[in-house]
Structure formats: C-alpha cells, structure tokens
Amino acid sequence: MEKLKKETLEWVKALIEAIIIIVVLKFVLNTPVPISTIASGSMRPTLERGDLVFVRGLAPKDISIGRIVVYRSCQGPFIIHRVVGEAISATFPNGTSRLYVVFSEKAREKLLKELKGAKLYFYFITKGDNNPVTDFYLYQFMNCKTFKPLPGVPQSRVVGTVIEVDGYPIKLPYLGYVALLAFPFLWWVPR
C-alpha cells in the first residue's frame, strides 16, 4: 500500500511540474498554445505526424510568407500549415479601405512600407506542404460564426508560429504521439 501511495505522489508531482512548465512557456513564448502536436501528414516532409513543436506568439505584421503558423480551425482543433500568401486589408486615415494580396516576401515588405499610416488587418493564405491546394478547400477561409468567405485565415485565429532555427522547425519526433493517443481523454490539451 505504501508503494502505491508513493507512486501516486510521484505522478501527481510530475503532473504539477508539467502544468507549471506549460504555464511558464505560455508566458515566455507569448501564446496560449506553446506546444502543439502534428496530427496529420499534411506538412510532410518538414513535419511528420507525431512531431511535437514549439510555438511562439508574433504580431500579425511580423508573420512573413513562408513561416509555419498554428491557427484555430473552424471545426475545433488547431491546424499547423505554412503561409503561402497574405491578404492585407488596409483602412486609410480618410476612411477608405482596400484589400491587397501578395505571394512573395519581397512584395509583402514593399507593400507594408507603402501602407505606413494605414490600419492593417491580415488574412493568411495557408497550405500544408504536402497538400495540393490551399486551406480554402478545408473550409478555413471563412468567418467561423457567419460562414461568410474571407480572403484567408484571419489574424484573430492565429495563435503563433512554429519556432525555427535557420529555417528549420524545432521539433521533437514521436513525442506528439502521447498527446495524439491520449487526446480522447485529455480534451483540454491543444494538439
């Protein structure tokens, strides 16, 4: 009986430590989802099913074309896909609005310089590296409440970008399988 109490205490301590680590990571990485799991093969070969990735929050204007973002899907779970383009809605001081769409980082940087002084709202055109088409076909370029079409995933649904070093995502292979296998029992864990 004493052994069972000791093992239970060790499990409780490990769970508390894990919760503390996640809370600290949320604060340090500036995102509600500091760790996430790759749930499908849509990002192959860059990310494989079961990879655990680290996520940091960025301002929408700092998310460049080519970055891997984590966003909340209209259906519930998070999606981890690459930004292949951006639609930028600009509202100018005189009250007029205009929508711009760019598909290269060079064009994006030039446009952002031209739009200085305008209020900007970003829509990210995303796609899995292994998918033949954008996430438009996954019904993600829409307002989740009204189902009205949008030019991309709105900035309000993006929780962060996958942390990369020299263009390579930091990932822990296979560790995400723990979350994938436990997901039916751990509904509160982002994956």
N, C-alpha and C. Protein backbone atom coordinates (compact mmCIF):
# COMPACT_ATOMS: atom_id res chain seq x y z
N MET A 1 0.82 -1.20 0.00
CA MET A 1 0.00 0.00 0.00
C MET A 1 0.87 1.26 0.00
N GLU A 2 1.97 1.19 0.75
CA GLU A 2 2.89 2.33 0.83
C GLU A 2 3.50 2.61 -0.55
N LYS A 3 3.80 1.57 -1.30
CA LYS A 3 4.38 1.72 -2.64
C LYS A 3 3.38 2.42 -3.57
N LEU A 4 2.11 2.06 -3.46
CA LEU A 4 1.07 2.69 -4.29
C LEU A 4 0.94 4.18 -3.97
N LYS A 5 0.99 4.53 -2.70
CA LYS A 5 0.92 5.94 -2.30
C LYS A 5 2.11 6.71 -2.86
N LYS A 6 3.28 6.10 -2.78
CA LYS A 6 4.50 6.76 -3.26
C LYS A 6 4.43 6.97 -4.78
N GLU A 7 3.99 5.97 -5.52
CA GLU A 7 3.85 6.09 -6.99
C GLU A 7 2.81 7.14 -7.36
N THR A 8 1.70 7.15 -6.63
CA THR A 8 0.65 8.15 -6.89
C THR A 8 1.18 9.55 -6.64
N LEU A 9 1.92 9.71 -5.57
CA LEU A 9 2.52 11.01 -5.25
C LEU A 9 3.49 11.44 -6.36
N GLU A 10 4.28 10.53 -6.88
CA GLU A 10 5.22 10.85 -7.97
C GLU A 10 4.46 11.28 -9.23
N TRP A 11 3.36 10.63 -9.54
CA TRP A 11 2.56 11.00 -10.71
C TRP A 11 1.94 12.39 -10.52
N VAL A 12 1.45 12.66 -9.34
CA VAL A 12 0.86 13.97 -9.06
C VAL A 12 1.93 15.05 -9.17
N LYS A 13 3.12 14.81 -8.63
CA LYS A 13 4.21 15.77 -8.73
C LYS A 13 4.59 16.01 -10.20
N ALA A 14 4.66 14.95 -10.98
CA ALA A 14 5.01 15.08 -12.41
C ALA A 14 3.95 15.90 -13.15
N LEU A 15 2.68 15.68 -12.83
CA LEU A 15 1.59 16.42 -13.47
C LEU A 15 1.66 17.90 -13.09
N ILE A 16 1.90 18.19 -11.83
CA ILE A 16 2.03 19.59 -11.39
C ILE A 16 3.22 20.26 -12.07
N GLU A 17 4.34 19.55 -12.18
CA GLU A 17 5.51 20.11 -12.86
C GLU A 17 5.21 20.40 -14.33
N ALA A 18 4.50 19.49 -14.98
CA ALA A 18 4.15 19.69 -16.40
C ALA A 18 3.25 20.91 -16.55
N ILE A 19 2.30 21.08 -15.66
CA ILE A 19 1.40 22.24 -15.72
C ILE A 19 2.19 23.53 -15.50
N ILE A 20 3.11 23.52 -14.56
CA ILE A 20 3.94 24.70 -14.31
C ILE A 20 4.78 25.03 -15.53
N ILE A 21 5.36 24.03 -16.15
CA ILE A 21 6.18 24.25 -17.36
C ILE A 21 5.33 24.86 -18.47
N ILE A 22 4.13 24.35 -18.68
CA ILE A 22 3.26 24.88 -19.74
C ILE A 22 2.85 26.32 -19.44
N VAL A 23 2.54 26.62 -18.19
CA VAL A 23 2.16 27.99 -17.81
C VAL A 23 3.33 28.94 -18.05
N VAL A 24 4.54 28.53 -17.67
CA VAL A 24 5.72 29.37 -17.89
C VAL A 24 5.97 29.56 -19.39
N LEU A 25 5.85 28.49 -20.17
CA LEU A 25 6.05 28.59 -21.62
C LEU A 25 5.01 29.51 -22.26
N LYS A 26 3.77 29.47 -21.79
CA LYS A 26 2.74 30.37 -22.32
C LYS A 26 3.16 31.82 -22.13
N PHE A 27 3.70 32.12 -20.96
CA PHE A 27 4.14 33.48 -20.65
C PHE A 27 5.38 33.86 -21.46
N VAL A 28 6.38 33.00 -21.47
CA VAL A 28 7.65 33.30 -22.14
C VAL A 28 7.47 33.39 -23.65
N LEU A 29 6.69 32.48 -24.23
CA LEU A 29 6.52 32.44 -25.69
C LEU A 29 5.35 33.29 -26.18
N ASN A 30 4.62 33.91 -25.27
CA ASN A 30 3.55 34.85 -25.62
C ASN A 30 2.46 34.23 -26.50
N THR A 31 2.01 33.05 -26.11
CA THR A 31 0.96 32.37 -26.86
C THR A 31 0.16 31.46 -25.91
N PRO A 32 -1.13 31.27 -26.19
CA PRO A 32 -1.91 30.35 -25.37
C PRO A 32 -1.58 28.88 -25.66
N VAL A 33 -0.86 28.63 -26.76
CA VAL A 33 -0.52 27.26 -27.17
C VAL A 33 0.99 27.17 -27.41
N PRO A 34 1.80 26.98 -26.36
CA PRO A 34 3.25 26.97 -26.54
C PRO A 34 3.81 25.66 -27.11
N ILE A 35 3.04 24.59 -27.02
CA ILE A 35 3.46 23.29 -27.53
C ILE A 35 2.29 22.71 -28.31
N SER A 36 2.57 22.13 -29.46
CA SER A 36 1.50 21.53 -30.24
C SER A 36 2.00 20.27 -30.93
N THR A 37 1.08 19.45 -31.37
CA THR A 37 1.39 18.16 -31.99
C THR A 37 0.93 18.13 -33.44
N ILE A 38 1.74 17.57 -34.29
CA ILE A 38 1.37 17.38 -35.70
C ILE A 38 0.45 16.17 -35.77
N ALA A 39 -0.79 16.38 -36.22
CA ALA A 39 -1.80 15.32 -36.19
C ALA A 39 -2.00 14.62 -37.53
N SER A 40 -1.39 15.14 -38.61
CA SER A 40 -1.59 14.51 -39.92
C SER A 40 -0.30 14.60 -40.73
N GLY A 41 -0.33 14.10 -41.94
CA GLY A 41 0.84 14.14 -42.82
C GLY A 41 0.83 15.32 -43.77
N SER A 42 0.00 16.32 -43.50
CA SER A 42 -0.14 17.44 -44.44
C SER A 42 1.10 18.32 -44.53
N MET A 43 2.00 18.25 -43.56
CA MET A 43 3.20 19.09 -43.58
C MET A 43 4.46 18.30 -43.91
N ARG A 44 4.29 17.07 -44.40
CA ARG A 44 5.46 16.28 -44.81
C ARG A 44 6.19 16.95 -45.95
N PRO A 45 7.45 16.87 -46.08
CA PRO A 45 8.42 16.18 -45.22
C PRO A 45 8.94 17.06 -44.09
N THR A 46 8.52 18.31 -44.02
CA THR A 46 9.03 19.23 -42.99
C THR A 46 8.66 18.76 -41.59
N LEU A 47 7.40 18.42 -41.39
CA LEU A 47 6.91 17.95 -40.11
C LEU A 47 6.14 16.65 -40.33
N GLU A 48 6.40 15.68 -39.48
CA GLU A 48 5.76 14.37 -39.59
C GLU A 48 4.69 14.21 -38.51
N ARG A 49 3.74 13.33 -38.78
CA ARG A 49 2.71 13.04 -37.78
C ARG A 49 3.40 12.55 -36.51
N GLY A 50 2.99 13.11 -35.38
CA GLY A 50 3.59 12.73 -34.10
C GLY A 50 4.71 13.64 -33.64
N ASP A 51 5.14 14.59 -34.49
CA ASP A 51 6.16 15.55 -34.05
C ASP A 51 5.55 16.52 -33.05
N LEU A 52 6.32 16.87 -32.05
CA LEU A 52 5.93 17.89 -31.08
C LEU A 52 6.69 19.16 -31.45
N VAL A 53 5.97 20.27 -31.59
CA VAL A 53 6.61 21.53 -31.98
C VAL A 53 6.35 22.60 -30.93
N PHE A 54 7.23 23.60 -30.93
CA PHE A 54 7.11 24.72 -30.00
C PHE A 54 6.61 25.93 -30.77
N VAL A 55 5.73 26.68 -30.14
CA VAL A 55 5.03 27.78 -30.80
C VAL A 55 5.28 29.07 -30.02
N ARG A 56 5.49 30.16 -30.76
CA ARG A 56 5.60 31.46 -30.10
C ARG A 56 4.64 32.43 -30.76
N GLY A 57 4.12 33.34 -29.96
CA GLY A 57 3.21 34.34 -30.47
C GLY A 57 3.97 35.46 -31.16
N LEU A 58 3.44 35.93 -32.27
CA LEU A 58 4.01 37.06 -33.01
C LEU A 58 2.89 38.00 -33.41
N ALA A 59 3.22 39.27 -33.55
CA ALA A 59 2.25 40.23 -34.08
C ALA A 59 1.98 39.84 -35.54
N PRO A 60 0.74 39.99 -36.01
CA PRO A 60 0.42 39.60 -37.39
C PRO A 60 1.34 40.21 -38.44
N LYS A 61 1.76 41.46 -38.24
CA LYS A 61 2.63 42.10 -39.23
C LYS A 61 4.01 41.47 -39.28
N ASP A 62 4.37 40.69 -38.25
CA ASP A 62 5.68 40.04 -38.19
C ASP A 62 5.66 38.60 -38.71
N ILE A 63 4.50 38.12 -39.13
CA ILE A 63 4.40 36.76 -39.67
C ILE A 63 4.62 36.84 -41.17
N SER A 64 5.75 36.38 -41.61
CA SER A 64 6.12 36.52 -43.02
C SER A 64 5.67 35.31 -43.84
N ILE A 65 5.65 35.51 -45.13
CA ILE A 65 5.32 34.43 -46.06
C ILE A 65 6.42 33.39 -45.97
N GLY A 66 6.03 32.14 -45.85
CA GLY A 66 6.97 31.05 -45.69
C GLY A 66 7.03 30.51 -44.27
N ARG A 67 6.51 31.27 -43.29
CA ARG A 67 6.50 30.82 -41.90
C ARG A 67 5.41 29.77 -41.70
N ILE A 68 5.63 28.90 -40.73
CA ILE A 68 4.63 27.89 -40.37
C ILE A 68 3.83 28.45 -39.20
N VAL A 69 2.51 28.54 -39.37
CA VAL A 69 1.65 29.10 -38.33
C VAL A 69 0.77 28.03 -37.71
N VAL A 70 0.31 28.31 -36.52
CA VAL A 70 -0.65 27.47 -35.82
C VAL A 70 -1.91 28.31 -35.68
N TYR A 71 -3.03 27.78 -36.20
CA TYR A 71 -4.27 28.54 -36.09
C TYR A 71 -5.43 27.62 -35.71
N ARG A 72 -6.42 28.25 -35.12
CA ARG A 72 -7.63 27.53 -34.68
C ARG A 72 -8.54 27.35 -35.89
N SER A 73 -8.90 26.11 -36.16
CA SER A 73 -9.78 25.84 -37.29
C SER A 73 -11.22 26.11 -36.89
N CYS A 74 -12.07 26.27 -37.89
CA CYS A 74 -13.50 26.47 -37.61
C CYS A 74 -14.12 25.20 -37.01
N GLN A 75 -13.50 24.07 -37.27
CA GLN A 75 -14.04 22.80 -36.78
C GLN A 75 -13.56 22.46 -35.37
N GLY A 76 -12.61 23.23 -34.82
CA GLY A 76 -12.18 22.99 -33.44
C GLY A 76 -10.69 22.85 -33.23
N PRO A 77 -10.06 21.79 -33.76
CA PRO A 77 -8.63 21.60 -33.46
C PRO A 77 -7.74 22.62 -34.15
N PHE A 78 -6.50 22.65 -33.73
CA PHE A 78 -5.53 23.56 -34.35
C PHE A 78 -5.00 22.96 -35.63
N ILE A 79 -4.66 23.82 -36.58
CA ILE A 79 -4.04 23.42 -37.83
C ILE A 79 -2.67 24.07 -37.89
N ILE A 80 -1.68 23.30 -38.32
CA ILE A 80 -0.31 23.79 -38.44
C ILE A 80 0.09 23.71 -39.90
N HIS A 81 0.08 24.87 -40.58
CA HIS A 81 0.38 24.94 -42.02
C HIS A 81 1.24 26.15 -42.33
N ARG A 82 1.80 26.16 -43.53
CA ARG A 82 2.70 27.23 -43.96
C ARG A 82 1.92 28.37 -44.61
N VAL A 83 2.38 29.60 -44.36
CA VAL A 83 1.82 30.79 -45.01
C VAL A 83 2.40 30.86 -46.43
N VAL A 84 1.54 30.81 -47.44
CA VAL A 84 2.00 30.88 -48.83
C VAL A 84 1.63 32.22 -49.48
N GLY A 85 0.83 33.01 -48.77
CA GLY A 85 0.43 34.33 -49.26
C GLY A 85 -0.30 35.07 -48.16
N GLU A 86 -0.51 36.36 -48.40
CA GLU A 86 -1.24 37.16 -47.43
C GLU A 86 -2.19 38.11 -48.14
N ALA A 87 -3.35 38.27 -47.54
CA ALA A 87 -4.28 39.31 -47.97
C ALA A 87 -4.27 40.34 -46.85
N ILE A 88 -3.99 41.58 -47.20
CA ILE A 88 -3.88 42.64 -46.20
C ILE A 88 -4.96 43.67 -46.46
N SER A 89 -5.83 43.84 -45.49
CA SER A 89 -6.89 44.84 -45.58
C SER A 89 -6.35 46.13 -44.95
N ALA A 90 -6.35 47.20 -45.73
CA ALA A 90 -5.83 48.49 -45.25
C ALA A 90 -6.96 49.51 -45.19
N THR A 91 -7.09 50.16 -44.05
CA THR A 91 -8.03 51.26 -43.89
C THR A 91 -7.20 52.52 -43.71
N PHE A 92 -7.40 53.48 -44.60
CA PHE A 92 -6.61 54.69 -44.61
C PHE A 92 -7.23 55.77 -43.75
N PRO A 93 -6.44 56.77 -43.34
CA PRO A 93 -6.96 57.83 -42.47
C PRO A 93 -8.21 58.54 -43.01
N ASN A 94 -8.36 58.58 -44.34
CA ASN A 94 -9.54 59.25 -44.92
C ASN A 94 -10.79 58.36 -44.89
N GLY A 95 -10.65 57.12 -44.35
CA GLY A 95 -11.79 56.23 -44.22
C GLY A 95 -11.95 55.20 -45.32
N THR A 96 -11.19 55.32 -46.40
CA THR A 96 -11.30 54.34 -47.48
C THR A 96 -10.55 53.06 -47.11
N SER A 97 -11.01 51.96 -47.68
CA SER A 97 -10.38 50.66 -47.43
C SER A 97 -10.01 50.00 -48.74
N ARG A 98 -8.98 49.16 -48.67
CA ARG A 98 -8.56 48.43 -49.87
C ARG A 98 -7.93 47.12 -49.43
N LEU A 99 -8.11 46.08 -50.24
CA LEU A 99 -7.55 44.76 -49.96
C LEU A 99 -6.41 44.49 -50.93
N TYR A 100 -5.26 44.09 -50.41
CA TYR A 100 -4.08 43.76 -51.21
C TYR A 100 -3.74 42.30 -50.97
N VAL A 101 -3.30 41.60 -52.02
CA VAL A 101 -2.91 40.20 -51.90
C VAL A 101 -1.48 40.06 -52.43
N VAL A 102 -0.62 39.43 -51.63
CA VAL A 102 0.78 39.22 -52.03
C VAL A 102 1.16 37.76 -51.82
N PHE A 103 2.08 37.29 -52.67
CA PHE A 103 2.52 35.90 -52.59
C PHE A 103 4.04 35.77 -52.48
N SER A 104 4.74 36.87 -52.27
CA SER A 104 6.19 36.79 -52.05
C SER A 104 6.56 37.73 -50.91
N GLU A 105 7.62 37.38 -50.21
CA GLU A 105 8.04 38.19 -49.07
C GLU A 105 8.54 39.55 -49.53
N LYS A 106 9.17 39.59 -50.68
CA LYS A 106 9.67 40.86 -51.21
C LYS A 106 8.50 41.82 -51.50
N ALA A 107 7.45 41.31 -52.14
CA ALA A 107 6.27 42.13 -52.44
C ALA A 107 5.58 42.55 -51.14
N ARG A 108 5.57 41.67 -50.15
CA ARG A 108 4.94 41.97 -48.87
C ARG A 108 5.67 43.12 -48.17
N GLU A 109 7.00 43.03 -48.12
CA GLU A 109 7.78 44.08 -47.46
C GLU A 109 7.59 45.43 -48.14
N LYS A 110 7.57 45.42 -49.48
CA LYS A 110 7.36 46.66 -50.23
C LYS A 110 5.98 47.25 -49.93
N LEU A 111 4.96 46.38 -49.92
CA LEU A 111 3.59 46.83 -49.65
C LEU A 111 3.46 47.41 -48.24
N LEU A 112 4.06 46.75 -47.26
CA LEU A 112 3.96 47.24 -45.87
C LEU A 112 4.59 48.62 -45.73
N LYS A 113 5.65 48.89 -46.46
CA LYS A 113 6.25 50.23 -46.43
C LYS A 113 5.30 51.26 -47.03
N GLU A 114 4.63 50.89 -48.13
CA GLU A 114 3.69 51.79 -48.79
C GLU A 114 2.45 52.05 -47.93
N LEU A 115 2.08 51.10 -47.09
CA LEU A 115 0.86 51.22 -46.29
C LEU A 115 1.10 51.81 -44.91
N LYS A 116 2.26 52.39 -44.70
CA LYS A 116 2.57 53.01 -43.40
C LYS A 116 1.52 54.08 -43.10
N GLY A 117 0.97 54.04 -41.90
CA GLY A 117 -0.05 55.00 -41.51
C GLY A 117 -1.47 54.46 -41.65
N ALA A 118 -1.63 53.37 -42.40
CA ALA A 118 -2.96 52.77 -42.55
C ALA A 118 -3.17 51.73 -41.45
N LYS A 119 -4.43 51.50 -41.09
CA LYS A 119 -4.77 50.45 -40.13
C LYS A 119 -4.85 49.14 -40.91
N LEU A 120 -4.06 48.14 -40.49
CA LEU A 120 -3.97 46.90 -41.25
C LEU A 120 -4.61 45.73 -40.52
N TYR A 121 -5.22 44.85 -41.31
CA TYR A 121 -5.74 43.59 -40.79
C TYR A 121 -5.26 42.51 -41.75
N PHE A 122 -4.69 41.43 -41.20
CA PHE A 122 -4.05 40.40 -42.02
C PHE A 122 -4.91 39.15 -42.14
N TYR A 123 -4.91 38.58 -43.32
CA TYR A 123 -5.51 37.28 -43.60
C TYR A 123 -4.39 36.42 -44.19
N PHE A 124 -4.17 35.25 -43.63
CA PHE A 124 -3.06 34.40 -44.07
C PHE A 124 -3.57 33.29 -44.98
N ILE A 125 -2.98 33.22 -46.16
CA ILE A 125 -3.30 32.16 -47.11
C ILE A 125 -2.36 31.02 -46.77
N THR A 126 -2.92 29.92 -46.29
CA THR A 126 -2.11 28.82 -45.76
C THR A 126 -2.29 27.55 -46.57
N LYS A 127 -1.31 26.67 -46.44
CA LYS A 127 -1.33 25.41 -47.17
C LYS A 127 -0.39 24.44 -46.49
N GLY A 128 -0.78 23.19 -46.40
CA GLY A 128 0.13 22.16 -45.92
C GLY A 128 1.16 21.86 -47.01
N ASP A 129 2.41 21.68 -46.65
CA ASP A 129 3.46 21.41 -47.63
C ASP A 129 3.13 20.21 -48.52
N ASN A 130 2.44 19.24 -47.97
CA ASN A 130 2.12 18.01 -48.70
C ASN A 130 0.73 18.05 -49.33
N ASN A 131 0.02 19.16 -49.21
CA ASN A 131 -1.32 19.29 -49.78
C ASN A 131 -1.25 19.91 -51.17
N PRO A 132 -2.11 19.50 -52.09
CA PRO A 132 -2.06 20.06 -53.44
C PRO A 132 -2.69 21.46 -53.55
N VAL A 133 -3.52 21.84 -52.57
CA VAL A 133 -4.23 23.12 -52.65
C VAL A 133 -4.19 23.82 -51.29
N THR A 134 -4.61 25.10 -51.29
CA THR A 134 -4.62 25.88 -50.05
C THR A 134 -5.72 25.41 -49.10
N ASP A 135 -5.72 25.97 -47.91
CA ASP A 135 -6.71 25.60 -46.89
C ASP A 135 -8.11 26.14 -47.19
N PHE A 136 -8.24 26.88 -48.28
CA PHE A 136 -9.58 27.29 -48.73
C PHE A 136 -10.45 26.05 -48.89
N TYR A 137 -9.84 24.97 -49.39
CA TYR A 137 -10.58 23.73 -49.63
C TYR A 137 -10.82 22.93 -48.35
N LEU A 138 -10.24 23.38 -47.25
CA LEU A 138 -10.54 22.79 -45.95
C LEU A 138 -11.58 23.62 -45.21
N TYR A 139 -12.17 24.58 -45.92
CA TYR A 139 -13.18 25.48 -45.37
C TYR A 139 -12.64 26.31 -44.20
N GLN A 140 -11.42 26.83 -44.36
CA GLN A 140 -10.81 27.63 -43.31
C GLN A 140 -10.81 29.12 -43.61
N PHE A 141 -11.01 29.51 -44.87
CA PHE A 141 -11.00 30.92 -45.22
C PHE A 141 -12.43 31.46 -45.09
N MET A 142 -12.92 31.44 -43.86
CA MET A 142 -14.28 31.92 -43.61
C MET A 142 -14.40 32.41 -42.18
N ASN A 143 -15.44 33.20 -41.96
CA ASN A 143 -15.79 33.61 -40.61
C ASN A 143 -16.46 32.40 -39.97
N CYS A 144 -15.94 31.92 -38.87
CA CYS A 144 -16.45 30.69 -38.25
C CYS A 144 -17.87 30.82 -37.70
N LYS A 145 -18.32 32.04 -37.44
CA LYS A 145 -19.65 32.24 -36.89
C LYS A 145 -20.70 32.45 -37.98
N THR A 146 -20.35 33.24 -39.00
CA THR A 146 -21.32 33.57 -40.05
C THR A 146 -21.12 32.72 -41.31
N PHE A 147 -19.98 32.05 -41.41
CA PHE A 147 -19.61 31.23 -42.57
C PHE A 147 -19.45 32.04 -43.84
N LYS A 148 -19.28 33.36 -43.70
CA LYS A 148 -19.01 34.20 -44.86
C LYS A 148 -17.57 34.00 -45.29
N PRO A 149 -17.32 33.93 -46.60
CA PRO A 149 -15.94 33.70 -47.07
C PRO A 149 -15.02 34.89 -46.76
N LEU A 150 -13.77 34.56 -46.50
CA LEU A 150 -12.73 35.55 -46.25
C LEU A 150 -11.56 35.28 -47.19
N PRO A 151 -10.66 36.24 -47.38
CA PRO A 151 -9.53 36.02 -48.29
C PRO A 151 -8.44 35.10 -47.73
N GLY A 152 -8.55 34.71 -46.48
CA GLY A 152 -7.57 33.82 -45.86
C GLY A 152 -7.95 33.59 -44.41
N VAL A 153 -7.07 32.94 -43.66
CA VAL A 153 -7.30 32.73 -42.24
C VAL A 153 -7.11 34.07 -41.53
N PRO A 154 -8.12 34.58 -40.82
CA PRO A 154 -7.98 35.90 -40.17
C PRO A 154 -6.95 35.87 -39.04
N GLN A 155 -6.30 37.00 -38.86
CA GLN A 155 -5.25 37.10 -37.85
C GLN A 155 -5.76 36.75 -36.45
N SER A 156 -7.03 36.93 -36.19
CA SER A 156 -7.58 36.64 -34.86
C SER A 156 -7.58 35.15 -34.52
N ARG A 157 -7.49 34.28 -35.52
CA ARG A 157 -7.47 32.84 -35.27
C ARG A 157 -6.05 32.27 -35.21
N VAL A 158 -5.05 33.07 -35.52
CA VAL A 158 -3.67 32.59 -35.49
C VAL A 158 -3.14 32.74 -34.07
N VAL A 159 -2.65 31.62 -33.51
CA VAL A 159 -2.14 31.66 -32.13
C VAL A 159 -0.63 31.79 -32.08
N GLY A 160 0.06 31.59 -33.20
CA GLY A 160 1.50 31.74 -33.20
C GLY A 160 2.16 31.07 -34.38
N THR A 161 3.51 31.10 -34.36
CA THR A 161 4.30 30.46 -35.41
C THR A 161 5.17 29.38 -34.78
N VAL A 162 5.47 28.36 -35.56
CA VAL A 162 6.37 27.31 -35.09
C VAL A 162 7.77 27.91 -34.99
N ILE A 163 8.45 27.66 -33.88
CA ILE A 163 9.79 28.19 -33.68
C ILE A 163 10.76 27.47 -34.61
N GLU A 164 11.55 28.27 -35.33
CA GLU A 164 12.51 27.72 -36.29
C GLU A 164 13.90 28.25 -35.98
N VAL A 165 14.90 27.47 -36.38
CA VAL A 165 16.30 27.90 -36.33
C VAL A 165 16.86 27.71 -37.72
N ASP A 166 17.32 28.79 -38.32
CA ASP A 166 17.85 28.77 -39.69
C ASP A 166 16.87 28.15 -40.68
N GLY A 167 15.57 28.42 -40.49
CA GLY A 167 14.56 27.93 -41.41
C GLY A 167 14.07 26.51 -41.13
N TYR A 168 14.60 25.86 -40.11
CA TYR A 168 14.19 24.50 -39.76
C TYR A 168 13.41 24.53 -38.45
N PRO A 169 12.20 23.95 -38.45
CA PRO A 169 11.40 23.98 -37.22
C PRO A 169 12.04 23.13 -36.12
N ILE A 170 11.95 23.63 -34.90
CA ILE A 170 12.39 22.84 -33.75
C ILE A 170 11.27 21.85 -33.46
N LYS A 171 11.62 20.58 -33.49
CA LYS A 171 10.59 19.55 -33.29
C LYS A 171 11.18 18.39 -32.49
N LEU A 172 10.31 17.71 -31.78
CA LEU A 172 10.68 16.51 -31.04
C LEU A 172 9.90 15.35 -31.66
N PRO A 173 10.56 14.57 -32.52
CA PRO A 173 9.86 13.49 -33.20
C PRO A 173 9.26 12.48 -32.22
N TYR A 174 8.10 11.98 -32.57
CA TYR A 174 7.38 10.91 -31.86
C TYR A 174 6.76 11.32 -30.52
N LEU A 175 7.24 12.38 -29.87
CA LEU A 175 6.68 12.74 -28.57
C LEU A 175 5.23 13.19 -28.66
N GLY A 176 4.83 13.68 -29.82
CA GLY A 176 3.45 14.10 -30.00
C GLY A 176 2.47 12.95 -30.01
N TYR A 177 2.96 11.74 -30.26
CA TYR A 177 2.06 10.58 -30.25
C TYR A 177 1.40 10.40 -28.88
N VAL A 178 2.09 10.80 -27.82
CA VAL A 178 1.50 10.70 -26.48
C VAL A 178 0.21 11.53 -26.44
N ALA A 179 0.28 12.77 -26.95
CA ALA A 179 -0.93 13.62 -26.97
C ALA A 179 -1.97 13.07 -27.93
N LEU A 180 -1.53 12.56 -29.09
CA LEU A 180 -2.49 12.03 -30.06
C LEU A 180 -3.23 10.81 -29.51
N LEU A 181 -2.52 9.94 -28.81
CA LEU A 181 -3.15 8.75 -28.25
C LEU A 181 -4.03 9.09 -27.05
N ALA A 182 -3.62 10.09 -26.28
CA ALA A 182 -4.38 10.44 -25.08
C ALA A 182 -5.48 11.46 -25.37
N PHE A 183 -5.53 12.01 -26.58
CA PHE A 183 -6.46 13.11 -26.87
C PHE A 183 -7.91 12.83 -26.49
N PRO A 184 -8.45 11.64 -26.75
CA PRO A 184 -9.85 11.43 -26.35
C PRO A 184 -10.07 11.61 -24.84
N PHE A 185 -9.01 11.40 -24.06
CA PHE A 185 -9.14 11.52 -22.61
C PHE A 185 -8.68 12.88 -22.10
N LEU A 186 -7.85 13.56 -22.89
CA LEU A 186 -7.31 14.86 -22.49
C LEU A 186 -7.82 15.92 -23.47
N TRP A 187 -9.11 16.16 -23.49
CA TRP A 187 -9.73 17.07 -24.46
C TRP A 187 -9.22 18.49 -24.33
N TRP A 188 -8.66 18.87 -23.19
CA TRP A 188 -8.22 20.25 -22.96
C TRP A 188 -6.81 20.50 -23.48
N VAL A 189 -6.10 19.47 -23.92
CA VAL A 189 -4.73 19.63 -24.40
C VAL A 189 -4.76 20.04 -25.88
N PRO A 190 -4.17 21.18 -26.25
CA PRO A 190 -4.12 21.53 -27.66
C PRO A 190 -3.24 20.57 -28.43
N ARG A 191 -3.66 20.22 -29.65
CA ARG A 191 -2.83 19.31 -30.44
C ARG A 191 -2.60 19.88 -31.81
